[in-house]
Amino acid sequence: MTEFSTFPGKLGIQQRVLPIYRREFFDTLAEYCKGGVSIFAGEVHAEESIPTIDHLNTAKFVKARNLHFGKIQSPYYFLWQGGLIDWIADWNPDVLIVEANPRYLSSGRAIKWMQARTRPVIGWGLGVPPIEKQTNLIGRIESFWRIRSRKKLIERLDAVIAYSHKGAIEYSSITRASNKIYTATNSVTKRPDGSPPERSPHFVDRANVLFVGRLQSRKRIDNLLKACASLPKNLKPQLKIIGDGPERDTLVKMAESVYPSAEFPGSMHGAELKKYFIEADLFVLPGTGGLAVQEAMTYGLPVIVSEGDGTQADMVRPENGWLIPANDKVALMAALEEALLDAARLREMGNNSFRIVQDEINIEQMVKIFIKVLNLTNYSVDHKS
């Protein structure tokens, strides 16, 4: 890091939960904050299956008392985090980062506390997807309230960091101060060193197609099985599905009739998982979510990824893969067929994947943007009362 290489003050970060995939980012960010970093987060909703952690190696972690109201996917979901003001008063940060979500009701008190002491608050989030137009009166009132609450929150913040360029455009659309919107492309992997693994310009027997992730319905592994089965005989790949989850038994049974050669080695990590990435020719994520895409790219793999929250568009480009509409079996099959027709082209696309995560999208670049925004918004580190 060169410009804005360190932040001289103390940083506080409010999060709804502390997922395991954020450990590397928060610990790396803490290395560049001279006053330290403290994370405030609580327990997941009962409906969720997000793997979380209860400690960090470099950053501090303070447990929130999360009170969830409503179903997590509902527009009527709200969150209250007990102990938030006590944590802020105790940590006394120079800058606070909060999740830019107006449904987190306690965050307003935190913003008020900071700004009463002339200290900046930065929002961090996915963006503000368009709200579907409603025809009935209650629906229109609800839409009006949601739009107004989003705008009100963004206007109160000193800056906003979006997960993606798409998210930044969405935030800019609801505020006149678009110059306070920044993009730190969401990343969960560190910058890979060296070069991608060397692969033959030809497939060995059949192409190896890999999926890594939790086996649940939204990952649409059923579509992947059906798409592979629909391919011409000479293009049918060796499909390996790594992971575990509530849909495992259903998918294994389905594969027996749809695509019997599919393998389900189970959940793997570390050296075991590395072997599968190196042996693969193509990584496919047919459904929403999935952090293994970036990991696959660090192994020099081309990718087929379903569109989701907008972060995929920053990673997946024509030169390194295919971005397909969500839950579109025809598009998935077409992308697979195009990919498996030309091994040499796949190798070139895999090299492009590696370049993207090495030069553009990695934890180090993400931290660099955060440090830059912290220094631009921080008024002074000598202002505490």
Protein backbone atom coordinates (compact mmCIF):
# COMPACT_ATOMS: atom_id res chain seq x y z
CA MET A 1 0.00 0.00 0.00
CA THR A 2 1.22 3.47 -0.86
CA GLU A 3 -1.32 6.30 -0.75
CA PHE A 4 -3.19 6.47 2.59
CA SER A 5 -1.13 3.51 3.79
CA THR A 6 -2.29 3.74 7.41
CA PHE A 7 -5.10 5.27 9.46
CA PRO A 8 -3.77 6.97 12.63
CA GLY A 9 -6.90 6.63 14.76
CA LYS A 10 -9.23 4.07 16.34
CA LEU A 11 -11.88 2.45 14.18
CA GLY A 12 -15.18 0.92 15.28
CA ILE A 13 -17.20 -1.34 12.94
CA GLN A 14 -20.81 -2.35 13.56
CA GLN A 15 -21.96 -5.56 11.87
CA ARG A 16 -25.13 -7.58 12.22
CA VAL A 17 -23.10 -10.79 12.50
CA LEU A 18 -19.43 -11.76 12.22
CA PRO A 19 -19.15 -14.40 9.46
CA ILE A 20 -16.03 -16.50 9.26
CA TYR A 21 -15.22 -15.20 5.77
CA ARG A 22 -14.68 -11.68 7.19
CA ARG A 23 -11.88 -12.70 9.58
CA GLU A 24 -9.05 -12.15 7.07
CA PHE A 25 -10.37 -8.74 6.01
CA PHE A 26 -10.93 -7.37 9.52
CA ASP A 27 -7.57 -8.62 10.80
CA THR A 28 -5.78 -7.17 7.77
CA LEU A 29 -7.61 -3.85 8.15
CA ALA A 30 -6.57 -3.75 11.83
CA GLU A 31 -2.91 -3.99 10.80
CA TYR A 32 -3.26 -0.61 9.05
CA CYS A 33 -5.20 1.18 11.79
CA LYS A 34 -2.68 2.45 14.35
CA GLY A 35 -5.30 2.93 17.07
CA GLY A 36 -6.80 -0.51 16.52
CA VAL A 37 -10.10 -1.89 15.27
CA SER A 38 -13.05 -3.15 17.29
CA ILE A 39 -15.93 -5.11 15.72
CA PHE A 40 -19.41 -5.14 17.28
CA ALA A 41 -21.66 -7.98 16.05
CA GLY A 42 -24.19 -10.48 17.34
CA GLU A 43 -25.84 -13.83 16.69
CA VAL A 44 -27.43 -14.90 13.40
CA HIS A 45 -31.18 -15.17 12.91
CA ALA A 46 -32.66 -18.58 13.72
CA GLU A 47 -33.51 -19.08 10.02
CA GLU A 48 -29.90 -18.57 8.88
CA SER A 49 -26.99 -20.96 8.48
CA ILE A 50 -24.11 -18.47 8.27
CA PRO A 51 -20.92 -19.86 9.85
CA THR A 52 -19.75 -17.27 12.37
CA ILE A 53 -16.74 -16.78 14.64
CA ASP A 54 -16.37 -15.39 18.15
CA HIS A 55 -12.82 -14.04 18.01
CA LEU A 56 -10.35 -12.29 15.74
CA ASN A 57 -6.56 -12.44 15.73
CA THR A 58 -5.69 -8.75 15.35
CA ALA A 59 -8.95 -6.82 15.56
CA LYS A 60 -11.00 -6.85 18.77
CA PHE A 61 -14.47 -8.39 18.89
CA VAL A 62 -17.33 -7.38 21.18
CA LYS A 63 -20.54 -9.42 21.23
CA ALA A 64 -23.82 -7.62 20.56
CA ARG A 65 -27.20 -8.73 21.90
CA ASN A 66 -29.08 -9.13 18.62
CA LEU A 67 -32.86 -8.92 18.78
CA HIS A 68 -34.37 -10.01 15.46
CA PHE A 69 -37.92 -8.98 14.56
CA GLY A 70 -39.61 -10.79 11.65
CA LYS A 71 -38.32 -13.19 9.03
CA ILE A 72 -34.84 -12.43 7.74
CA GLN A 73 -35.90 -12.24 4.06
CA SER A 74 -39.00 -10.15 4.78
CA PRO A 75 -39.16 -6.40 4.06
CA TYR A 76 -40.60 -6.19 7.59
CA TYR A 77 -37.47 -7.59 9.23
CA PHE A 78 -35.86 -5.30 11.81
CA LEU A 79 -32.83 -5.58 14.09
CA TRP A 80 -32.01 -4.06 17.45
CA GLN A 81 -28.50 -4.50 18.85
CA GLY A 82 -28.33 -4.25 22.62
CA GLY A 83 -25.13 -2.83 24.09
CA LEU A 84 -24.24 -0.75 21.03
CA ILE A 85 -23.88 2.61 22.80
CA ASP A 86 -21.98 1.05 25.72
CA TRP A 87 -19.52 -0.44 23.21
CA ILE A 88 -19.03 2.86 21.38
CA ALA A 89 -18.55 4.80 24.62
CA ASP A 90 -16.03 2.25 25.85
CA TRP A 91 -14.07 1.94 22.58
CA ASN A 92 -14.38 5.69 21.83
CA PRO A 93 -13.56 5.41 18.10
CA ASP A 94 -12.37 8.23 15.88
CA VAL A 95 -14.45 6.86 12.99
CA LEU A 96 -17.40 4.45 13.02
CA ILE A 97 -18.44 2.18 10.15
CA VAL A 98 -22.03 0.88 10.20
CA GLU A 99 -23.97 -1.37 7.88
CA ALA A 100 -25.94 0.97 5.62
CA ASN A 101 -29.31 -0.59 6.41
CA PRO A 102 -32.16 1.55 7.81
CA ARG A 103 -33.82 -1.55 9.26
CA TYR A 104 -31.07 -1.80 11.87
CA LEU A 105 -32.92 0.42 14.31
CA SER A 106 -30.19 0.88 16.92
CA SER A 107 -27.71 2.25 14.39
CA GLY A 108 -29.41 5.66 14.45
CA ARG A 109 -28.41 6.10 18.09
CA ALA A 110 -24.81 5.24 17.25
CA ILE A 111 -24.72 7.79 14.42
CA LYS A 112 -26.16 10.44 16.73
CA TRP A 113 -23.57 9.63 19.43
CA MET A 114 -20.67 9.97 17.00
CA GLN A 115 -21.87 13.10 15.26
CA ALA A 116 -22.61 14.83 18.57
CA ARG A 117 -18.85 14.54 19.14
CA THR A 118 -17.98 15.69 15.58
CA ARG A 119 -16.81 12.25 14.52
CA PRO A 120 -17.59 10.76 11.10
CA VAL A 121 -19.74 7.74 10.38
CA ILE A 122 -19.27 5.68 7.21
CA GLY A 123 -21.90 3.34 5.80
CA TRP A 124 -20.96 0.02 4.18
CA GLY A 125 -23.33 -2.11 2.14
CA LEU A 126 -24.49 -3.90 -1.00
CA GLY A 127 -26.52 -1.04 -2.41
CA VAL A 128 -30.21 -0.15 -2.60
CA PRO A 129 -31.97 -2.36 -5.17
CA PRO A 130 -35.07 -0.81 -6.77
CA ILE A 131 -38.29 -1.36 -4.85
CA GLU A 132 -41.05 -3.02 -6.86
CA LYS A 133 -43.93 -0.66 -7.62
CA GLN A 134 -47.07 -1.33 -5.62
CA THR A 135 -50.64 -0.72 -6.77
CA ASN A 136 -52.53 -0.88 -3.48
CA LEU A 137 -52.52 1.93 -0.91
CA ILE A 138 -50.74 -0.02 1.85
CA GLY A 139 -48.07 -1.15 -0.61
CA ARG A 140 -47.50 2.41 -1.82
CA ILE A 141 -47.20 3.69 1.76
CA GLU A 142 -44.71 0.92 2.55
CA SER A 143 -42.65 1.68 -0.57
CA PHE A 144 -42.63 5.40 0.27
CA TRP A 145 -41.42 4.68 3.80
CA ARG A 146 -38.66 2.33 2.60
CA ILE A 147 -37.38 4.81 0.00
CA ARG A 148 -37.51 7.68 2.49
CA SER A 149 -35.70 5.71 5.21
CA ARG A 150 -32.93 4.74 2.77
CA LYS A 151 -32.41 8.34 1.65
CA LYS A 152 -32.49 9.64 5.21
CA LEU A 153 -29.82 7.18 6.34
CA ILE A 154 -27.49 7.87 3.39
CA GLU A 155 -27.83 11.64 3.90
CA ARG A 156 -26.79 11.29 7.56
CA LEU A 157 -23.59 9.46 6.70
CA ASP A 158 -20.27 11.15 5.97
CA ALA A 159 -19.42 8.56 3.29
CA VAL A 160 -20.67 5.26 1.92
CA ILE A 161 -18.57 2.29 0.79
CA ALA A 162 -20.35 -0.03 -1.64
CA TYR A 163 -19.53 -3.71 -2.19
CA SER A 164 -19.62 -3.24 -5.96
CA HIS A 165 -19.82 -0.66 -8.75
CA LYS A 166 -23.49 -1.59 -9.17
CA GLY A 167 -24.08 -0.86 -5.49
CA ALA A 168 -22.28 2.48 -5.75
CA ILE A 169 -24.52 3.51 -8.65
CA GLU A 170 -27.59 2.58 -6.59
CA TYR A 171 -26.41 4.65 -3.60
CA SER A 172 -25.59 7.59 -5.89
CA SER A 173 -29.13 7.47 -7.30
CA ILE A 174 -30.68 8.36 -3.92
CA THR A 175 -28.37 11.15 -2.80
CA ARG A 176 -27.26 14.46 -4.23
CA ALA A 177 -23.84 13.97 -2.64
CA SER A 178 -22.65 11.25 -5.02
CA ASN A 179 -19.05 12.36 -4.40
CA LYS A 180 -19.19 10.66 -1.00
CA ILE A 181 -19.85 7.21 -2.52
CA TYR A 182 -16.86 4.87 -2.89
CA THR A 183 -16.43 1.31 -4.15
CA ALA A 184 -14.38 -1.34 -2.36
CA THR A 185 -15.11 -4.49 -4.35
CA ASN A 186 -16.11 -7.23 -1.94
CA SER A 187 -13.31 -9.74 -1.48
CA VAL A 188 -12.68 -12.70 0.80
CA THR A 189 -9.25 -13.81 -0.46
CA LYS A 190 -5.80 -12.28 -0.20
CA ARG A 191 -3.71 -11.42 -3.23
CA PRO A 192 -2.25 -14.64 -4.69
CA ASP A 193 1.49 -14.76 -5.28
CA GLY A 194 3.34 -16.18 -8.25
CA SER A 195 1.49 -17.69 -11.20
CA PRO A 196 -1.60 -19.85 -11.64
CA PRO A 197 -1.16 -23.66 -11.76
CA GLU A 198 0.00 -24.95 -15.14
CA ARG A 199 -2.62 -26.94 -17.03
CA SER A 200 -2.47 -28.89 -20.26
CA PRO A 201 -3.87 -27.13 -23.36
CA HIS A 202 -6.08 -30.21 -23.76
CA PHE A 203 -8.54 -31.92 -21.43
CA VAL A 204 -7.29 -35.17 -19.93
CA ASP A 205 -10.06 -37.61 -20.95
CA ARG A 206 -13.02 -35.44 -19.86
CA ALA A 207 -13.15 -31.88 -18.56
CA ASN A 208 -13.35 -31.48 -14.78
CA VAL A 209 -16.17 -29.16 -13.64
CA LEU A 210 -16.13 -28.12 -9.99
CA PHE A 211 -18.66 -26.70 -7.53
CA VAL A 212 -17.68 -25.76 -3.98
CA GLY A 213 -20.16 -24.49 -1.43
CA ARG A 214 -22.96 -25.29 0.96
CA LEU A 215 -25.47 -27.76 -0.46
CA GLN A 216 -28.73 -25.86 -0.15
CA SER A 217 -31.59 -25.13 -2.50
CA ARG A 218 -30.60 -21.56 -3.44
CA LYS A 219 -27.29 -22.83 -4.86
CA ARG A 220 -29.32 -24.55 -7.65
CA ILE A 221 -27.06 -27.58 -7.93
CA ASP A 222 -30.07 -29.41 -9.35
CA ASN A 223 -29.80 -27.11 -12.40
CA LEU A 224 -26.11 -27.95 -12.74
CA LEU A 225 -26.83 -31.69 -12.75
CA LYS A 226 -29.55 -31.27 -15.38
CA ALA A 227 -27.40 -28.95 -17.53
CA CYS A 228 -24.52 -31.45 -17.55
CA ALA A 229 -26.91 -34.25 -18.46
CA SER A 230 -28.23 -32.20 -21.40
CA LEU A 231 -24.80 -31.68 -22.98
CA PRO A 232 -23.67 -33.66 -26.05
CA LYS A 233 -21.99 -36.94 -25.09
CA ASN A 234 -18.51 -35.78 -26.11
CA LEU A 235 -18.79 -32.72 -23.85
CA LYS A 236 -20.21 -34.32 -20.71
CA PRO A 237 -17.77 -33.41 -17.90
CA GLN A 238 -16.60 -35.11 -14.77
CA LEU A 239 -18.66 -33.15 -12.23
CA LYS A 240 -17.39 -32.82 -8.66
CA ILE A 241 -19.62 -31.21 -6.05
CA ILE A 242 -17.71 -30.31 -2.87
CA GLY A 243 -19.59 -29.40 0.27
CA ASP A 244 -22.27 -30.45 2.70
CA GLY A 245 -25.65 -29.13 3.70
CA PRO A 246 -29.38 -29.82 4.05
CA GLU A 247 -29.83 -30.77 0.35
CA ARG A 248 -26.99 -33.31 0.16
CA ASP A 249 -29.10 -36.49 0.37
CA THR A 250 -31.68 -35.11 -2.08
CA LEU A 251 -28.99 -34.14 -4.58
CA VAL A 252 -27.14 -37.45 -4.32
CA LYS A 253 -30.38 -39.32 -4.99
CA MET A 254 -31.22 -37.00 -7.88
CA ALA A 255 -27.77 -37.46 -9.40
CA GLU A 256 -28.22 -41.24 -9.48
CA SER A 257 -30.92 -40.84 -12.11
CA VAL A 258 -29.95 -37.53 -13.77
CA TYR A 259 -26.13 -37.60 -13.88
CA PRO A 260 -24.74 -40.80 -12.28
CA SER A 261 -21.06 -39.90 -12.78
CA ALA A 262 -21.34 -36.84 -10.50
CA GLU A 263 -19.15 -37.12 -7.40
CA PHE A 264 -19.99 -35.82 -3.91
CA PRO A 265 -16.73 -36.02 -1.92
CA GLY A 266 -18.19 -34.08 1.03
CA SER A 267 -17.00 -30.98 2.85
CA MET A 268 -13.30 -30.19 2.42
CA HIS A 269 -10.83 -27.52 3.45
CA GLY A 270 -7.14 -26.71 3.15
CA ALA A 271 -4.86 -29.12 1.30
CA GLU A 272 -7.72 -31.54 0.53
CA LEU A 273 -9.73 -28.82 -1.21
CA LYS A 274 -6.66 -27.37 -2.94
CA LYS A 275 -6.20 -30.65 -4.81
CA TYR A 276 -9.68 -30.34 -6.37
CA PHE A 277 -9.12 -26.73 -7.43
CA ILE A 278 -5.85 -27.65 -9.13
CA GLU A 279 -7.40 -30.62 -10.94
CA ALA A 280 -10.43 -28.62 -12.15
CA ASP A 281 -10.84 -27.06 -15.58
CA LEU A 282 -13.88 -24.91 -14.84
CA PHE A 283 -15.67 -23.62 -11.73
CA VAL A 284 -19.47 -23.27 -11.78
CA LEU A 285 -21.73 -21.47 -9.32
CA PRO A 286 -25.27 -22.00 -10.67
CA GLY A 287 -27.18 -20.29 -7.83
CA THR A 288 -26.98 -17.28 -5.53
CA GLY A 289 -24.27 -16.68 -2.96
CA GLY A 290 -20.99 -18.50 -2.87
CA LEU A 291 -17.64 -17.14 -1.79
CA ALA A 292 -15.64 -19.90 -3.44
CA VAL A 293 -15.70 -18.04 -6.78
CA GLN A 294 -12.80 -15.82 -5.74
CA GLU A 295 -10.91 -18.79 -4.35
CA ALA A 296 -11.38 -20.61 -7.67
CA MET A 297 -10.00 -17.58 -9.49
CA THR A 298 -6.85 -17.64 -7.35
CA TYR A 299 -6.24 -21.12 -8.81
CA GLY A 300 -6.51 -19.77 -12.34
CA LEU A 301 -9.95 -21.16 -13.11
CA PRO A 302 -12.48 -19.70 -15.55
CA VAL A 303 -15.93 -19.38 -13.96
CA ILE A 304 -19.62 -19.62 -14.76
CA VAL A 305 -21.56 -17.62 -12.17
CA SER A 306 -25.22 -16.81 -11.68
CA GLU A 307 -26.07 -13.13 -11.25
CA GLY A 308 -26.83 -12.16 -7.68
CA ASP A 309 -26.24 -9.03 -5.60
CA GLY A 310 -24.10 -7.18 -8.14
CA THR A 311 -20.67 -8.14 -6.80
CA GLN A 312 -20.40 -10.90 -9.42
CA ALA A 313 -20.32 -8.40 -12.29
CA ASP A 314 -17.08 -6.89 -10.98
CA MET A 315 -15.36 -10.29 -10.92
CA VAL A 316 -16.83 -12.14 -13.89
CA ARG A 317 -16.19 -10.64 -17.33
CA PRO A 318 -16.19 -12.01 -20.88
CA GLU A 319 -12.42 -12.49 -20.67
CA ASN A 320 -12.59 -14.83 -17.66
CA GLY A 321 -16.03 -16.39 -17.60
CA TRP A 322 -19.78 -16.27 -18.06
CA LEU A 323 -22.29 -14.32 -15.98
CA ILE A 324 -25.69 -15.92 -16.48
CA PRO A 325 -29.21 -14.95 -15.34
CA ALA A 326 -30.28 -16.46 -12.02
CA ASN A 327 -32.14 -19.78 -12.21
CA ASP A 328 -31.82 -20.03 -16.01
CA LYS A 329 -31.12 -23.67 -16.94
CA VAL A 330 -30.93 -22.90 -20.66
CA ALA A 331 -28.31 -20.17 -20.14
CA LEU A 332 -26.34 -22.47 -17.84
CA MET A 333 -26.30 -25.28 -20.40
CA ALA A 334 -25.31 -22.87 -23.20
CA ALA A 335 -22.43 -21.47 -21.11
CA LEU A 336 -21.22 -24.98 -20.22
CA GLU A 337 -21.32 -26.08 -23.85
CA GLU A 338 -19.41 -23.03 -25.04
CA ALA A 339 -16.83 -23.42 -22.29
CA LEU A 340 -16.16 -27.12 -22.82
CA LEU A 341 -15.74 -26.84 -26.59
CA ASP A 342 -12.31 -25.22 -26.35
CA ALA A 343 -9.77 -26.21 -23.69
CA ALA A 344 -7.12 -23.77 -24.91
CA ARG A 345 -9.55 -20.85 -24.61
CA LEU A 346 -10.47 -21.97 -21.09
CA ARG A 347 -6.80 -21.87 -20.09
CA GLU A 348 -6.50 -18.29 -21.32
CA MET A 349 -9.66 -17.31 -19.46
CA GLY A 350 -8.31 -18.96 -16.30
CA ASN A 351 -5.15 -16.88 -16.56
CA ASN A 352 -7.35 -13.80 -16.79
CA SER A 353 -9.18 -14.88 -13.63
CA PHE A 354 -5.86 -15.11 -11.81
CA ARG A 355 -4.82 -11.65 -13.04
CA ILE A 356 -8.09 -10.11 -11.82
CA VAL A 357 -7.70 -11.41 -8.26
CA GLN A 358 -3.99 -10.66 -8.23
CA ASP A 359 -4.22 -7.06 -9.47
CA GLU A 360 -7.74 -5.81 -8.81
CA ILE A 361 -10.02 -7.77 -6.49
CA ASN A 362 -8.41 -8.97 -3.29
CA ILE A 363 -8.45 -8.18 0.42
CA GLU A 364 -5.41 -5.91 0.17
CA GLN A 365 -7.11 -3.71 -2.45
CA MET A 366 -10.28 -3.65 -0.36
CA VAL A 367 -8.33 -2.54 2.72
CA LYS A 368 -6.59 0.14 0.66
CA ILE A 369 -9.94 1.72 -0.24
CA PHE A 370 -11.16 1.56 3.36
CA ILE A 371 -7.98 3.28 4.62
CA LYS A 372 -8.35 5.95 1.93
CA VAL A 373 -11.98 6.68 2.91
CA LEU A 374 -11.13 6.68 6.63
CA ASN A 375 -8.45 9.32 6.09
CA LEU A 376 -10.63 11.42 3.79
CA THR A 377 -13.53 11.51 6.26
CA ASN A 378 -11.58 11.68 9.52
CA TYR A 379 -11.63 15.22 10.89
CA SER A 380 -8.90 14.76 13.48
CA VAL A 381 -7.62 12.11 15.86
CA ASP A 382 -7.05 14.74 18.56
CA HIS A 383 -10.67 15.77 19.09
CA LYS A 384 -11.84 13.44 21.85
CA SER A 385 -13.68 14.85 24.80
